[in-house]
Amino acid sequence: MTRSTFTPTVLRWTAALAAALSLSACAPLVLGTAVGGAFVATDRRTSGMQLEDQGIKLKAANRIRDALKDRGHVNVHAYNRMVLLTGEVPTEDDRAAAAVAAGQTENVSGVVNELMVGLNSTISSRSSDLLVATKVRATLVDARDVMSNAFDVVVERGDVYLMGMVTEREANRVAELVSTISGVRRVVKVFQIISEDELARKLPRPASPAASESSTQP
């Protein structure tokens, strides 16, 4: 009888890739904290901020679409009011116009413009980025010393952009982990750095023994 040689990590990559490939090929290649369900509880943003970021993302994308029309392929990402632009545009003027449009969106605190001037990425390139993104997420899930749901992961042309509210220690550790993954060309940290004390205040507090006992009383 032949035994399977798939490791848990490979199985996770395969499952994530299969799920992602069922989506439109034009969808942004983003794997990160979801708004809804159990993921909300581990997101370091408040639920209100998560909703605000979703609004910023949609509004900024609409502004950019109005400014550029059908020129280029622009992905908009938002985390804690910081906007990251990735993708491709045909000219430097378009690149600048996209950043201006995003920056004029209500409640945006800053724009990181990583748009490349050139031809739109190919389906093959986007598929390759999708595979890299699933590897990154699986690596973060497997790591024992980081909280994977604290990070949003964006992959574009082999460049991995990491977003989130993290400590300097977490930022350096995750960048180190990601840089060792095959297919990763560059790691770009788009983090809001917080102190260890701030992190401790954001983490869920464990229930006290007294509270646990009272909850089990009839």
N, C-alpha and C. Protein backbone atom coordinates (compact mmCIF):
# COMPACT_ATOMS: atom_id res chain seq x y z
N MET A 1 0.86 -1.20 0.00
CA MET A 1 0.00 0.00 0.00
C MET A 1 0.89 1.24 0.00
N THR A 2 0.58 2.22 -0.88
CA THR A 2 1.39 3.43 -0.99
C THR A 2 0.94 4.44 0.05
N ARG A 3 1.89 4.99 0.75
CA ARG A 3 1.57 5.99 1.78
C ARG A 3 1.67 7.39 1.20
N SER A 4 0.80 8.26 1.69
CA SER A 4 0.85 9.65 1.25
C SER A 4 2.09 10.33 1.82
N THR A 5 2.72 11.16 0.99
CA THR A 5 3.91 11.90 1.43
C THR A 5 3.60 13.36 1.69
N PHE A 6 2.32 13.73 1.68
CA PHE A 6 1.97 15.13 1.91
C PHE A 6 2.12 15.48 3.38
N THR A 7 2.84 16.56 3.67
CA THR A 7 2.96 17.07 5.04
C THR A 7 1.77 17.98 5.33
N PRO A 8 1.50 18.25 6.62
CA PRO A 8 0.40 19.17 6.93
C PRO A 8 0.55 20.52 6.25
N THR A 9 1.79 21.04 6.16
CA THR A 9 2.00 22.34 5.53
C THR A 9 1.66 22.29 4.06
N VAL A 10 2.12 21.23 3.36
CA VAL A 10 1.82 21.11 1.94
C VAL A 10 0.32 21.00 1.72
N LEU A 11 -0.36 20.25 2.58
CA LEU A 11 -1.81 20.13 2.46
C LEU A 11 -2.48 21.48 2.63
N ARG A 12 -1.98 22.28 3.56
CA ARG A 12 -2.56 23.61 3.75
C ARG A 12 -2.34 24.47 2.51
N TRP A 13 -1.12 24.42 1.94
CA TRP A 13 -0.86 25.18 0.72
C TRP A 13 -1.82 24.75 -0.38
N THR A 14 -1.99 23.43 -0.53
CA THR A 14 -2.84 22.92 -1.60
C THR A 14 -4.28 23.35 -1.42
N ALA A 15 -4.78 23.24 -0.20
CA ALA A 15 -6.17 23.62 0.07
C ALA A 15 -6.38 25.11 -0.15
N ALA A 16 -5.44 25.92 0.33
CA ALA A 16 -5.57 27.37 0.17
C ALA A 16 -5.51 27.77 -1.30
N LEU A 17 -4.61 27.13 -2.04
CA LEU A 17 -4.46 27.45 -3.45
C LEU A 17 -5.70 27.04 -4.22
N ALA A 18 -6.25 25.88 -3.92
CA ALA A 18 -7.45 25.41 -4.60
C ALA A 18 -8.62 26.34 -4.35
N ALA A 19 -8.73 26.80 -3.11
CA ALA A 19 -9.83 27.73 -2.78
C ALA A 19 -9.64 29.05 -3.50
N ALA A 20 -8.40 29.53 -3.53
CA ALA A 20 -8.15 30.82 -4.16
C ALA A 20 -8.36 30.77 -5.66
N LEU A 21 -7.98 29.64 -6.29
CA LEU A 21 -8.12 29.53 -7.73
C LEU A 21 -9.58 29.48 -8.16
N SER A 22 -10.48 29.21 -7.21
CA SER A 22 -11.91 29.21 -7.54
C SER A 22 -12.44 30.63 -7.66
N LEU A 23 -11.63 31.62 -7.23
CA LEU A 23 -12.03 33.01 -7.32
C LEU A 23 -11.64 33.57 -8.68
N SER A 24 -12.06 34.77 -8.97
CA SER A 24 -11.70 35.42 -10.23
C SER A 24 -10.21 35.61 -10.31
N ALA A 25 -9.67 35.45 -11.53
CA ALA A 25 -8.23 35.64 -11.74
C ALA A 25 -7.84 37.08 -11.54
N CYS A 26 -8.80 38.00 -11.56
CA CYS A 26 -8.48 39.42 -11.40
C CYS A 26 -8.51 39.86 -9.94
N ALA A 27 -8.85 38.97 -9.04
CA ALA A 27 -8.94 39.35 -7.63
C ALA A 27 -7.56 39.65 -7.08
N PRO A 28 -7.44 40.66 -6.18
CA PRO A 28 -6.14 40.95 -5.57
C PRO A 28 -5.61 39.75 -4.83
N LEU A 29 -4.31 39.56 -4.88
CA LEU A 29 -3.69 38.42 -4.22
C LEU A 29 -3.38 38.78 -2.78
N VAL A 30 -4.37 38.69 -1.94
CA VAL A 30 -4.24 39.11 -0.55
C VAL A 30 -4.70 37.97 0.35
N LEU A 31 -3.86 37.58 1.28
CA LEU A 31 -4.27 36.64 2.31
C LEU A 31 -4.02 37.30 3.64
N GLY A 32 -5.06 37.53 4.41
CA GLY A 32 -4.85 38.20 5.69
C GLY A 32 -6.01 37.96 6.61
N THR A 33 -6.15 38.83 7.58
CA THR A 33 -7.20 38.70 8.56
C THR A 33 -8.55 39.01 7.94
N ALA A 34 -9.51 38.12 8.10
CA ALA A 34 -10.83 38.33 7.53
C ALA A 34 -11.70 39.13 8.49
N VAL A 35 -12.67 39.85 7.95
CA VAL A 35 -13.63 40.57 8.78
C VAL A 35 -14.83 39.66 8.95
N GLY A 36 -14.97 39.07 10.10
CA GLY A 36 -16.08 38.15 10.34
C GLY A 36 -15.59 36.88 11.01
N GLY A 37 -16.46 36.27 11.82
CA GLY A 37 -16.13 35.00 12.44
C GLY A 37 -15.01 35.12 13.45
N ALA A 38 -14.27 34.02 13.61
CA ALA A 38 -13.24 33.95 14.65
C ALA A 38 -12.09 34.88 14.37
N PHE A 39 -11.87 35.23 13.09
CA PHE A 39 -10.71 36.06 12.78
C PHE A 39 -10.82 37.45 13.39
N VAL A 40 -12.04 37.97 13.52
CA VAL A 40 -12.21 39.31 14.09
C VAL A 40 -11.63 39.37 15.49
N ALA A 41 -11.81 38.32 16.26
CA ALA A 41 -11.36 38.31 17.65
C ALA A 41 -9.86 38.40 17.77
N THR A 42 -9.12 37.98 16.74
CA THR A 42 -7.67 38.02 16.81
C THR A 42 -7.07 39.17 16.02
N ASP A 43 -7.90 39.97 15.37
CA ASP A 43 -7.42 41.15 14.65
C ASP A 43 -7.12 42.23 15.68
N ARG A 44 -5.98 42.88 15.55
CA ARG A 44 -5.58 43.89 16.54
C ARG A 44 -6.27 45.23 16.32
N ARG A 45 -6.98 45.37 15.23
CA ARG A 45 -7.80 46.55 15.03
C ARG A 45 -9.15 46.35 15.72
N THR A 46 -9.79 47.43 16.09
CA THR A 46 -11.15 47.32 16.60
C THR A 46 -12.07 46.92 15.45
N SER A 47 -13.25 46.39 15.78
CA SER A 47 -14.19 46.02 14.73
C SER A 47 -14.59 47.25 13.91
N GLY A 48 -14.67 48.41 14.59
CA GLY A 48 -14.99 49.64 13.88
C GLY A 48 -13.90 50.02 12.88
N MET A 49 -12.64 49.83 13.28
CA MET A 49 -11.54 50.15 12.38
C MET A 49 -11.49 49.18 11.19
N GLN A 50 -11.82 47.93 11.44
CA GLN A 50 -11.85 46.96 10.34
C GLN A 50 -12.87 47.38 9.29
N LEU A 51 -14.05 47.79 9.75
CA LEU A 51 -15.08 48.25 8.82
C LEU A 51 -14.64 49.53 8.11
N GLU A 52 -13.98 50.42 8.85
CA GLU A 52 -13.51 51.66 8.24
C GLU A 52 -12.47 51.38 7.15
N ASP A 53 -11.59 50.43 7.42
CA ASP A 53 -10.59 50.06 6.42
C ASP A 53 -11.24 49.49 5.16
N GLN A 54 -12.31 48.70 5.34
CA GLN A 54 -13.02 48.19 4.18
C GLN A 54 -13.61 49.33 3.36
N GLY A 55 -14.17 50.32 4.06
CA GLY A 55 -14.73 51.49 3.38
C GLY A 55 -13.66 52.28 2.65
N ILE A 56 -12.51 52.47 3.31
CA ILE A 56 -11.40 53.19 2.69
C ILE A 56 -10.95 52.48 1.42
N LYS A 57 -10.84 51.17 1.50
CA LYS A 57 -10.39 50.38 0.34
C LYS A 57 -11.33 50.58 -0.85
N LEU A 58 -12.64 50.50 -0.61
CA LEU A 58 -13.60 50.65 -1.70
C LEU A 58 -13.61 52.07 -2.26
N LYS A 59 -13.61 53.06 -1.35
CA LYS A 59 -13.65 54.45 -1.80
C LYS A 59 -12.38 54.84 -2.56
N ALA A 60 -11.23 54.40 -2.06
CA ALA A 60 -9.97 54.73 -2.74
C ALA A 60 -9.91 54.06 -4.11
N ALA A 61 -10.38 52.82 -4.20
CA ALA A 61 -10.39 52.12 -5.48
C ALA A 61 -11.28 52.85 -6.48
N ASN A 62 -12.43 53.36 -6.02
CA ASN A 62 -13.32 54.10 -6.91
C ASN A 62 -12.69 55.40 -7.37
N ARG A 63 -12.02 56.10 -6.46
CA ARG A 63 -11.35 57.35 -6.83
C ARG A 63 -10.26 57.09 -7.87
N ILE A 64 -9.50 56.04 -7.66
CA ILE A 64 -8.42 55.72 -8.60
C ILE A 64 -9.00 55.33 -9.95
N ARG A 65 -10.10 54.60 -9.94
CA ARG A 65 -10.74 54.20 -11.19
C ARG A 65 -11.23 55.44 -11.95
N ASP A 66 -11.77 56.40 -11.22
CA ASP A 66 -12.22 57.64 -11.87
C ASP A 66 -11.04 58.41 -12.46
N ALA A 67 -9.90 58.37 -11.77
CA ALA A 67 -8.73 59.13 -12.22
C ALA A 67 -8.03 58.47 -13.40
N LEU A 68 -7.93 57.14 -13.37
CA LEU A 68 -7.16 56.43 -14.40
C LEU A 68 -8.02 55.81 -15.50
N LYS A 69 -9.34 55.78 -15.29
CA LYS A 69 -10.24 55.08 -16.21
C LYS A 69 -9.84 53.61 -16.27
N ASP A 70 -9.54 53.10 -17.47
CA ASP A 70 -9.20 51.69 -17.59
C ASP A 70 -7.70 51.47 -17.77
N ARG A 71 -6.91 52.48 -17.40
CA ARG A 71 -5.46 52.36 -17.56
C ARG A 71 -4.85 51.66 -16.34
N GLY A 72 -4.14 50.59 -16.59
CA GLY A 72 -3.40 49.94 -15.53
C GLY A 72 -4.20 48.89 -14.76
N HIS A 73 -3.52 48.32 -13.79
CA HIS A 73 -4.07 47.26 -12.93
C HIS A 73 -3.63 47.61 -11.50
N VAL A 74 -4.54 48.21 -10.74
CA VAL A 74 -4.21 48.75 -9.42
C VAL A 74 -4.97 47.99 -8.34
N ASN A 75 -4.23 47.47 -7.37
CA ASN A 75 -4.83 46.84 -6.20
C ASN A 75 -4.69 47.78 -5.00
N VAL A 76 -5.76 47.93 -4.26
CA VAL A 76 -5.78 48.82 -3.10
C VAL A 76 -5.94 47.99 -1.83
N HIS A 77 -5.09 48.25 -0.85
CA HIS A 77 -5.14 47.54 0.42
C HIS A 77 -5.13 48.59 1.53
N ALA A 78 -5.88 48.35 2.59
CA ALA A 78 -5.95 49.31 3.69
C ALA A 78 -5.84 48.60 5.03
N TYR A 79 -5.01 49.15 5.90
CA TYR A 79 -4.88 48.60 7.26
C TYR A 79 -4.66 49.77 8.22
N ASN A 80 -5.59 49.92 9.14
CA ASN A 80 -5.51 50.99 10.14
C ASN A 80 -5.33 52.36 9.49
N ARG A 81 -6.09 52.59 8.41
CA ARG A 81 -6.13 53.84 7.66
C ARG A 81 -4.91 54.08 6.78
N MET A 82 -3.97 53.16 6.77
CA MET A 82 -2.83 53.25 5.87
C MET A 82 -3.16 52.50 4.58
N VAL A 83 -2.95 53.14 3.43
CA VAL A 83 -3.28 52.54 2.14
C VAL A 83 -2.00 52.11 1.43
N LEU A 84 -2.02 50.88 0.91
CA LEU A 84 -0.93 50.34 0.11
C LEU A 84 -1.45 50.13 -1.30
N LEU A 85 -0.74 50.67 -2.29
CA LEU A 85 -1.10 50.49 -3.70
C LEU A 85 -0.09 49.57 -4.36
N THR A 86 -0.57 48.51 -5.00
CA THR A 86 0.30 47.61 -5.75
C THR A 86 -0.31 47.37 -7.13
N GLY A 87 0.52 46.86 -8.03
CA GLY A 87 0.06 46.61 -9.39
C GLY A 87 0.88 47.38 -10.41
N GLU A 88 0.27 47.66 -11.54
CA GLU A 88 1.01 48.29 -12.64
C GLU A 88 0.17 49.40 -13.28
N VAL A 89 0.84 50.45 -13.71
CA VAL A 89 0.23 51.54 -14.47
C VAL A 89 1.15 51.89 -15.64
N PRO A 90 0.60 52.47 -16.73
CA PRO A 90 1.43 52.69 -17.92
C PRO A 90 2.44 53.83 -17.83
N THR A 91 2.19 54.86 -16.99
CA THR A 91 3.08 56.01 -16.96
C THR A 91 3.34 56.48 -15.54
N GLU A 92 4.39 57.30 -15.38
CA GLU A 92 4.68 57.90 -14.07
C GLU A 92 3.56 58.85 -13.65
N ASP A 93 2.96 59.54 -14.62
CA ASP A 93 1.84 60.43 -14.29
C ASP A 93 0.68 59.64 -13.70
N ASP A 94 0.40 58.47 -14.27
CA ASP A 94 -0.68 57.63 -13.74
C ASP A 94 -0.33 57.14 -12.33
N ARG A 95 0.92 56.82 -12.13
CA ARG A 95 1.37 56.36 -10.81
C ARG A 95 1.14 57.45 -9.76
N ALA A 96 1.51 58.69 -10.12
CA ALA A 96 1.33 59.81 -9.19
C ALA A 96 -0.15 60.11 -8.99
N ALA A 97 -0.94 60.03 -10.07
CA ALA A 97 -2.37 60.33 -9.97
C ALA A 97 -3.09 59.32 -9.06
N ALA A 98 -2.68 58.06 -9.12
CA ALA A 98 -3.28 57.04 -8.27
C ALA A 98 -3.01 57.34 -6.80
N ALA A 99 -1.79 57.75 -6.49
CA ALA A 99 -1.43 58.07 -5.11
C ALA A 99 -2.21 59.28 -4.61
N VAL A 100 -2.36 60.29 -5.46
CA VAL A 100 -3.12 61.49 -5.08
C VAL A 100 -4.58 61.11 -4.80
N ALA A 101 -5.16 60.32 -5.70
CA ALA A 101 -6.56 59.92 -5.53
C ALA A 101 -6.76 59.14 -4.23
N ALA A 102 -5.83 58.23 -3.94
CA ALA A 102 -5.94 57.45 -2.70
C ALA A 102 -5.78 58.35 -1.48
N GLY A 103 -4.82 59.28 -1.54
CA GLY A 103 -4.56 60.16 -0.41
C GLY A 103 -5.70 61.11 -0.12
N GLN A 104 -6.52 61.41 -1.13
CA GLN A 104 -7.65 62.32 -0.94
C GLN A 104 -8.90 61.61 -0.42
N THR A 105 -8.80 60.31 -0.26
CA THR A 105 -9.94 59.55 0.26
C THR A 105 -10.13 59.86 1.75
N GLU A 106 -11.36 59.98 2.15
CA GLU A 106 -11.68 60.32 3.55
C GLU A 106 -11.07 59.32 4.53
N ASN A 107 -10.43 59.86 5.58
CA ASN A 107 -9.86 59.12 6.71
C ASN A 107 -8.55 58.40 6.41
N VAL A 108 -8.01 58.54 5.21
CA VAL A 108 -6.72 57.92 4.91
C VAL A 108 -5.60 58.68 5.61
N SER A 109 -4.75 57.97 6.36
CA SER A 109 -3.67 58.63 7.09
C SER A 109 -2.37 58.68 6.30
N GLY A 110 -2.21 57.83 5.31
CA GLY A 110 -0.99 57.82 4.51
C GLY A 110 -1.11 56.82 3.37
N VAL A 111 -0.26 56.99 2.36
CA VAL A 111 -0.28 56.12 1.18
C VAL A 111 1.13 55.60 0.92
N VAL A 112 1.26 54.29 0.78
CA VAL A 112 2.52 53.66 0.38
C VAL A 112 2.32 53.25 -1.08
N ASN A 113 3.00 53.95 -1.98
CA ASN A 113 2.79 53.75 -3.41
C ASN A 113 3.83 52.79 -3.97
N GLU A 114 3.43 51.53 -4.16
CA GLU A 114 4.32 50.51 -4.71
C GLU A 114 3.91 50.12 -6.13
N LEU A 115 3.20 51.00 -6.81
CA LEU A 115 2.82 50.75 -8.19
C LEU A 115 4.06 50.75 -9.08
N MET A 116 4.10 49.84 -10.04
CA MET A 116 5.19 49.76 -11.00
C MET A 116 4.73 50.32 -12.34
N VAL A 117 5.59 51.09 -12.99
CA VAL A 117 5.28 51.60 -14.32
C VAL A 117 5.67 50.52 -15.34
N GLY A 118 4.69 50.02 -16.05
CA GLY A 118 4.95 48.97 -17.03
C GLY A 118 3.67 48.28 -17.43
N LEU A 119 3.79 47.16 -18.13
CA LEU A 119 2.65 46.40 -18.60
C LEU A 119 1.97 45.68 -17.43
N ASN A 120 0.69 45.43 -17.58
CA ASN A 120 -0.04 44.69 -16.55
C ASN A 120 0.56 43.30 -16.38
N SER A 121 0.54 42.80 -15.16
CA SER A 121 1.06 41.46 -14.89
C SER A 121 0.22 40.42 -15.62
N THR A 122 0.84 39.32 -15.97
CA THR A 122 0.16 38.24 -16.69
C THR A 122 -0.58 37.32 -15.73
N ILE A 123 -1.47 36.51 -16.27
CA ILE A 123 -2.17 35.52 -15.46
C ILE A 123 -1.16 34.56 -14.83
N SER A 124 -0.13 34.20 -15.59
CA SER A 124 0.90 33.31 -15.06
C SER A 124 1.60 33.93 -13.86
N SER A 125 1.92 35.21 -13.96
CA SER A 125 2.58 35.91 -12.85
C SER A 125 1.68 35.98 -11.63
N ARG A 126 0.40 36.23 -11.83
CA ARG A 126 -0.54 36.33 -10.71
C ARG A 126 -0.74 34.96 -10.06
N SER A 127 -0.74 33.91 -10.86
CA SER A 127 -0.86 32.56 -10.30
C SER A 127 0.36 32.22 -9.45
N SER A 128 1.54 32.63 -9.93
CA SER A 128 2.76 32.41 -9.17
C SER A 128 2.72 33.17 -7.85
N ASP A 129 2.21 34.41 -7.88
CA ASP A 129 2.07 35.20 -6.66
C ASP A 129 1.11 34.54 -5.69
N LEU A 130 0.05 33.95 -6.22
CA LEU A 130 -0.93 33.28 -5.38
C LEU A 130 -0.30 32.11 -4.64
N LEU A 131 0.54 31.37 -5.33
CA LEU A 131 1.22 30.25 -4.69
C LEU A 131 2.16 30.74 -3.59
N VAL A 132 2.90 31.82 -3.88
CA VAL A 132 3.79 32.40 -2.87
C VAL A 132 2.98 32.85 -1.66
N ALA A 133 1.83 33.47 -1.91
CA ALA A 133 1.00 33.96 -0.80
C ALA A 133 0.53 32.81 0.09
N THR A 134 0.15 31.68 -0.50
CA THR A 134 -0.28 30.55 0.31
C THR A 134 0.89 29.97 1.11
N LYS A 135 2.08 29.99 0.53
CA LYS A 135 3.26 29.52 1.26
C LYS A 135 3.55 30.43 2.45
N VAL A 136 3.43 31.73 2.23
CA VAL A 136 3.68 32.69 3.31
C VAL A 136 2.69 32.47 4.45
N ARG A 137 1.41 32.35 4.12
CA ARG A 137 0.40 32.18 5.16
C ARG A 137 0.62 30.87 5.92
N ALA A 138 0.93 29.80 5.20
CA ALA A 138 1.17 28.52 5.86
C ALA A 138 2.39 28.60 6.77
N THR A 139 3.42 29.31 6.33
CA THR A 139 4.62 29.46 7.15
C THR A 139 4.32 30.21 8.44
N LEU A 140 3.50 31.25 8.34
CA LEU A 140 3.15 32.02 9.54
C LEU A 140 2.28 31.20 10.49
N VAL A 141 1.38 30.39 9.92
CA VAL A 141 0.54 29.53 10.76
C VAL A 141 1.40 28.50 11.49
N ASP A 142 2.40 27.96 10.81
CA ASP A 142 3.26 26.93 11.41
C ASP A 142 4.21 27.49 12.46
N ALA A 143 4.56 28.77 12.34
CA ALA A 143 5.53 29.37 13.27
C ALA A 143 4.93 29.42 14.67
N ARG A 144 5.71 29.01 15.65
CA ARG A 144 5.23 28.96 17.03
C ARG A 144 5.37 30.29 17.76
N ASP A 145 6.18 31.19 17.20
CA ASP A 145 6.49 32.41 17.94
C ASP A 145 5.89 33.67 17.32
N VAL A 146 4.93 33.51 16.41
CA VAL A 146 4.23 34.68 15.86
C VAL A 146 2.73 34.39 15.83
N MET A 147 1.92 35.46 15.85
CA MET A 147 0.47 35.32 15.74
C MET A 147 0.10 35.60 14.29
N SER A 148 -0.17 34.54 13.54
CA SER A 148 -0.35 34.67 12.09
C SER A 148 -1.48 35.62 11.71
N ASN A 149 -2.54 35.68 12.52
CA ASN A 149 -3.68 36.52 12.16
C ASN A 149 -3.43 38.01 12.40
N ALA A 150 -2.26 38.35 12.93
CA ALA A 150 -1.93 39.76 13.13
C ALA A 150 -1.38 40.39 11.85
N PHE A 151 -1.19 39.58 10.81
CA PHE A 151 -0.52 40.07 9.61
C PHE A 151 -1.42 39.94 8.38
N ASP A 152 -1.45 41.01 7.58
CA ASP A 152 -2.04 40.94 6.26
C ASP A 152 -0.90 40.75 5.27
N VAL A 153 -1.08 39.85 4.32
CA VAL A 153 -0.03 39.50 3.37
C VAL A 153 -0.49 39.84 1.97
N VAL A 154 0.29 40.64 1.26
CA VAL A 154 0.01 41.01 -0.12
C VAL A 154 1.21 40.60 -0.97
N VAL A 155 0.96 39.93 -2.08
CA VAL A 155 2.05 39.49 -2.95
C VAL A 155 1.83 40.04 -4.35
N GLU A 156 2.85 40.66 -4.89
CA GLU A 156 2.79 41.26 -6.22
C GLU A 156 4.15 41.09 -6.90
N ARG A 157 4.16 40.31 -8.00
CA ARG A 157 5.39 40.05 -8.78
C ARG A 157 6.51 39.46 -7.91
N GLY A 158 6.16 38.64 -6.96
CA GLY A 158 7.15 38.02 -6.09
C GLY A 158 7.55 38.86 -4.90
N ASP A 159 7.11 40.11 -4.85
CA ASP A 159 7.36 40.97 -3.70
C ASP A 159 6.27 40.73 -2.66
N VAL A 160 6.67 40.53 -1.42
CA VAL A 160 5.72 40.28 -0.34
C VAL A 160 5.64 41.52 0.54
N TYR A 161 4.41 42.05 0.66
CA TYR A 161 4.17 43.22 1.49
C TYR A 161 3.44 42.75 2.75
N LEU A 162 3.96 43.14 3.90
CA LEU A 162 3.40 42.72 5.18
C LEU A 162 2.81 43.93 5.90
N MET A 163 1.54 43.83 6.27
CA MET A 163 0.85 44.92 6.95
C MET A 163 0.36 44.44 8.31
N GLY A 164 0.22 45.36 9.25
CA GLY A 164 -0.30 45.01 10.56
C GLY A 164 0.22 45.94 11.64
N MET A 165 -0.36 45.81 12.84
CA MET A 165 0.14 46.53 14.02
C MET A 165 0.94 45.54 14.84
N VAL A 166 2.26 45.68 14.80
CA VAL A 166 3.14 44.68 15.40
C VAL A 166 4.29 45.36 16.14
N THR A 167 4.94 44.61 17.00
CA THR A 167 6.12 45.12 17.67
C THR A 167 7.34 44.99 16.74
N GLU A 168 8.41 45.66 17.09
CA GLU A 168 9.64 45.56 16.31
C GLU A 168 10.12 44.11 16.27
N ARG A 169 9.98 43.44 17.39
CA ARG A 169 10.38 42.03 17.46
C ARG A 169 9.59 41.18 16.48
N GLU A 170 8.26 41.36 16.46
CA GLU A 170 7.42 40.60 15.55
C GLU A 170 7.72 40.93 14.09
N ALA A 171 7.92 42.22 13.82
CA ALA A 171 8.20 42.65 12.44
C ALA A 171 9.46 41.99 11.91
N ASN A 172 10.51 42.00 12.71
CA ASN A 172 11.78 41.41 12.27
C ASN A 172 11.69 39.90 12.12
N ARG A 173 10.97 39.25 13.05
CA ARG A 173 10.86 37.80 12.99
C ARG A 173 10.08 37.34 11.76
N VAL A 174 8.97 38.00 11.48
CA VAL A 174 8.16 37.61 10.32
C VAL A 174 8.89 37.89 9.02
N ALA A 175 9.58 39.02 8.95
CA ALA A 175 10.36 39.31 7.74
C ALA A 175 11.43 38.26 7.52
N GLU A 176 12.04 37.81 8.61
CA GLU A 176 13.06 36.76 8.52
C GLU A 176 12.46 35.46 8.00
N LEU A 177 11.29 35.08 8.52
CA LEU A 177 10.63 33.85 8.09
C LEU A 177 10.26 33.91 6.61
N VAL A 178 9.66 35.01 6.21
CA VAL A 178 9.17 35.14 4.84
C VAL A 178 10.31 35.17 3.84
N SER A 179 11.42 35.78 4.21
CA SER A 179 12.54 35.91 3.27
C SER A 179 13.14 34.56 2.88
N THR A 180 12.88 33.51 3.66
CA THR A 180 13.44 32.20 3.37
C THR A 180 12.55 31.36 2.45
N ILE A 181 11.38 31.86 2.10
CA ILE A 181 10.42 31.09 1.30
C ILE A 181 10.78 31.16 -0.18
N SER A 182 10.75 30.02 -0.84
CA SER A 182 11.07 30.02 -2.27
C SER A 182 10.04 30.82 -3.05
N GLY A 183 10.51 31.60 -4.01
CA GLY A 183 9.64 32.43 -4.82
C GLY A 183 9.51 33.85 -4.32
N VAL A 184 9.96 34.12 -3.10
CA VAL A 184 9.90 35.49 -2.55
C VAL A 184 11.09 36.28 -3.07
N ARG A 185 10.80 37.36 -3.77
CA ARG A 185 11.86 38.19 -4.34
C ARG A 185 12.30 39.29 -3.39
N ARG A 186 11.34 39.85 -2.65
CA ARG A 186 11.63 40.98 -1.76
C ARG A 186 10.57 41.01 -0.68
N VAL A 187 10.95 41.42 0.53
CA VAL A 187 10.01 41.57 1.64
C VAL A 187 9.94 43.06 2.00
N VAL A 188 8.72 43.59 1.97
CA VAL A 188 8.51 45.01 2.28
C VAL A 188 7.63 45.11 3.52
N LYS A 189 8.13 45.74 4.56
CA LYS A 189 7.38 45.88 5.81
C LYS A 189 6.57 47.18 5.78
N VAL A 190 5.25 47.05 5.79
CA VAL A 190 4.36 48.22 5.82
C VAL A 190 3.61 48.17 7.15
N PHE A 191 4.37 48.17 8.22
CA PHE A 191 3.82 47.96 9.55
C PHE A 191 3.61 49.27 10.29
N GLN A 192 2.67 49.24 11.23
CA GLN A 192 2.59 50.24 12.28
C GLN A 192 3.24 49.61 13.50
N ILE A 193 4.37 50.15 13.92
CA ILE A 193 5.12 49.55 15.02
C ILE A 193 4.53 50.02 16.36
N ILE A 194 4.24 49.06 17.22
CA ILE A 194 3.73 49.36 18.56
C ILE A 194 4.70 48.78 19.59
N SER A 195 4.59 49.24 20.83
CA SER A 195 5.47 48.75 21.89
C SER A 195 4.96 47.42 22.42
N GLU A 196 5.81 46.75 23.17
CA GLU A 196 5.40 45.49 23.80
C GLU A 196 4.25 45.74 24.79
N ASP A 197 4.27 46.88 25.48
CA ASP A 197 3.18 47.21 26.40
C ASP A 197 1.86 47.40 25.65
N GLU A 198 1.92 48.09 24.51
CA GLU A 198 0.71 48.27 23.70
C GLU A 198 0.18 46.94 23.21
N LEU A 199 1.09 46.05 22.82
CA LEU A 199 0.67 44.72 22.38
C LEU A 199 -0.03 43.98 23.51
N ALA A 200 0.53 44.03 24.71
CA ALA A 200 -0.07 43.34 25.85
C ALA A 200 -1.50 43.84 26.11
N ARG A 201 -1.72 45.14 25.89
CA ARG A 201 -3.06 45.68 26.11
C ARG A 201 -4.05 45.24 25.04
N LYS A 202 -3.54 44.93 23.84
CA LYS A 202 -4.40 44.51 22.75
C LYS A 202 -4.76 43.03 22.80
N LEU A 203 -3.93 42.24 23.45
CA LEU A 203 -4.17 40.80 23.49
C LEU A 203 -5.35 40.49 24.39
N PRO A 204 -6.13 39.46 24.04
CA PRO A 204 -7.27 39.07 24.90
C PRO A 204 -6.78 38.66 26.29
N ARG A 205 -7.50 39.10 27.29
CA ARG A 205 -7.13 38.75 28.67
C ARG A 205 -7.68 37.36 29.00
N PRO A 206 -6.88 36.49 29.62
CA PRO A 206 -7.38 35.17 30.01
C PRO A 206 -8.44 35.31 31.10
N ALA A 207 -9.42 34.44 31.05
CA ALA A 207 -10.49 34.49 32.05
C ALA A 207 -9.93 34.12 33.41
N SER A 208 -10.39 34.81 34.45
CA SER A 208 -9.94 34.51 35.81
C SER A 208 -10.56 33.21 36.28
N PRO A 209 -9.89 32.48 37.19
CA PRO A 209 -10.45 31.22 37.71
C PRO A 209 -11.84 31.41 38.32
N ALA A 210 -12.03 32.54 39.01
CA ALA A 210 -13.32 32.79 39.64
C ALA A 210 -14.42 32.92 38.60
N ALA A 211 -14.09 33.64 37.50
CA ALA A 211 -15.09 33.84 36.46
C ALA A 211 -15.41 32.52 35.78
N SER A 212 -14.39 31.69 35.59
CA SER A 212 -14.61 30.39 34.95
C SER A 212 -15.49 29.50 35.81
N GLU A 213 -15.27 29.53 37.14
CA GLU A 213 -16.05 28.70 38.05
C GLU A 213 -17.51 29.17 38.08
N SER A 214 -17.71 30.51 38.10
CA SER A 214 -19.06 31.02 38.18
C SER A 214 -19.85 30.70 36.93
N SER A 215 -19.14 30.65 35.77
CA SER A 215 -19.86 30.38 34.53
C SER A 215 -20.34 28.94 34.44
N THR A 216 -19.74 28.08 35.27
CA THR A 216 -20.15 26.66 35.24
C THR A 216 -21.20 26.34 36.29
N GLN A 217 -21.51 27.31 37.14
CA GLN A 217 -22.54 27.08 38.16
C GLN A 217 -23.91 26.96 37.52
N PRO A 218 -24.76 26.07 38.03
CA PRO A 218 -26.12 25.93 37.46
C PRO A 218 -26.96 27.16 37.74
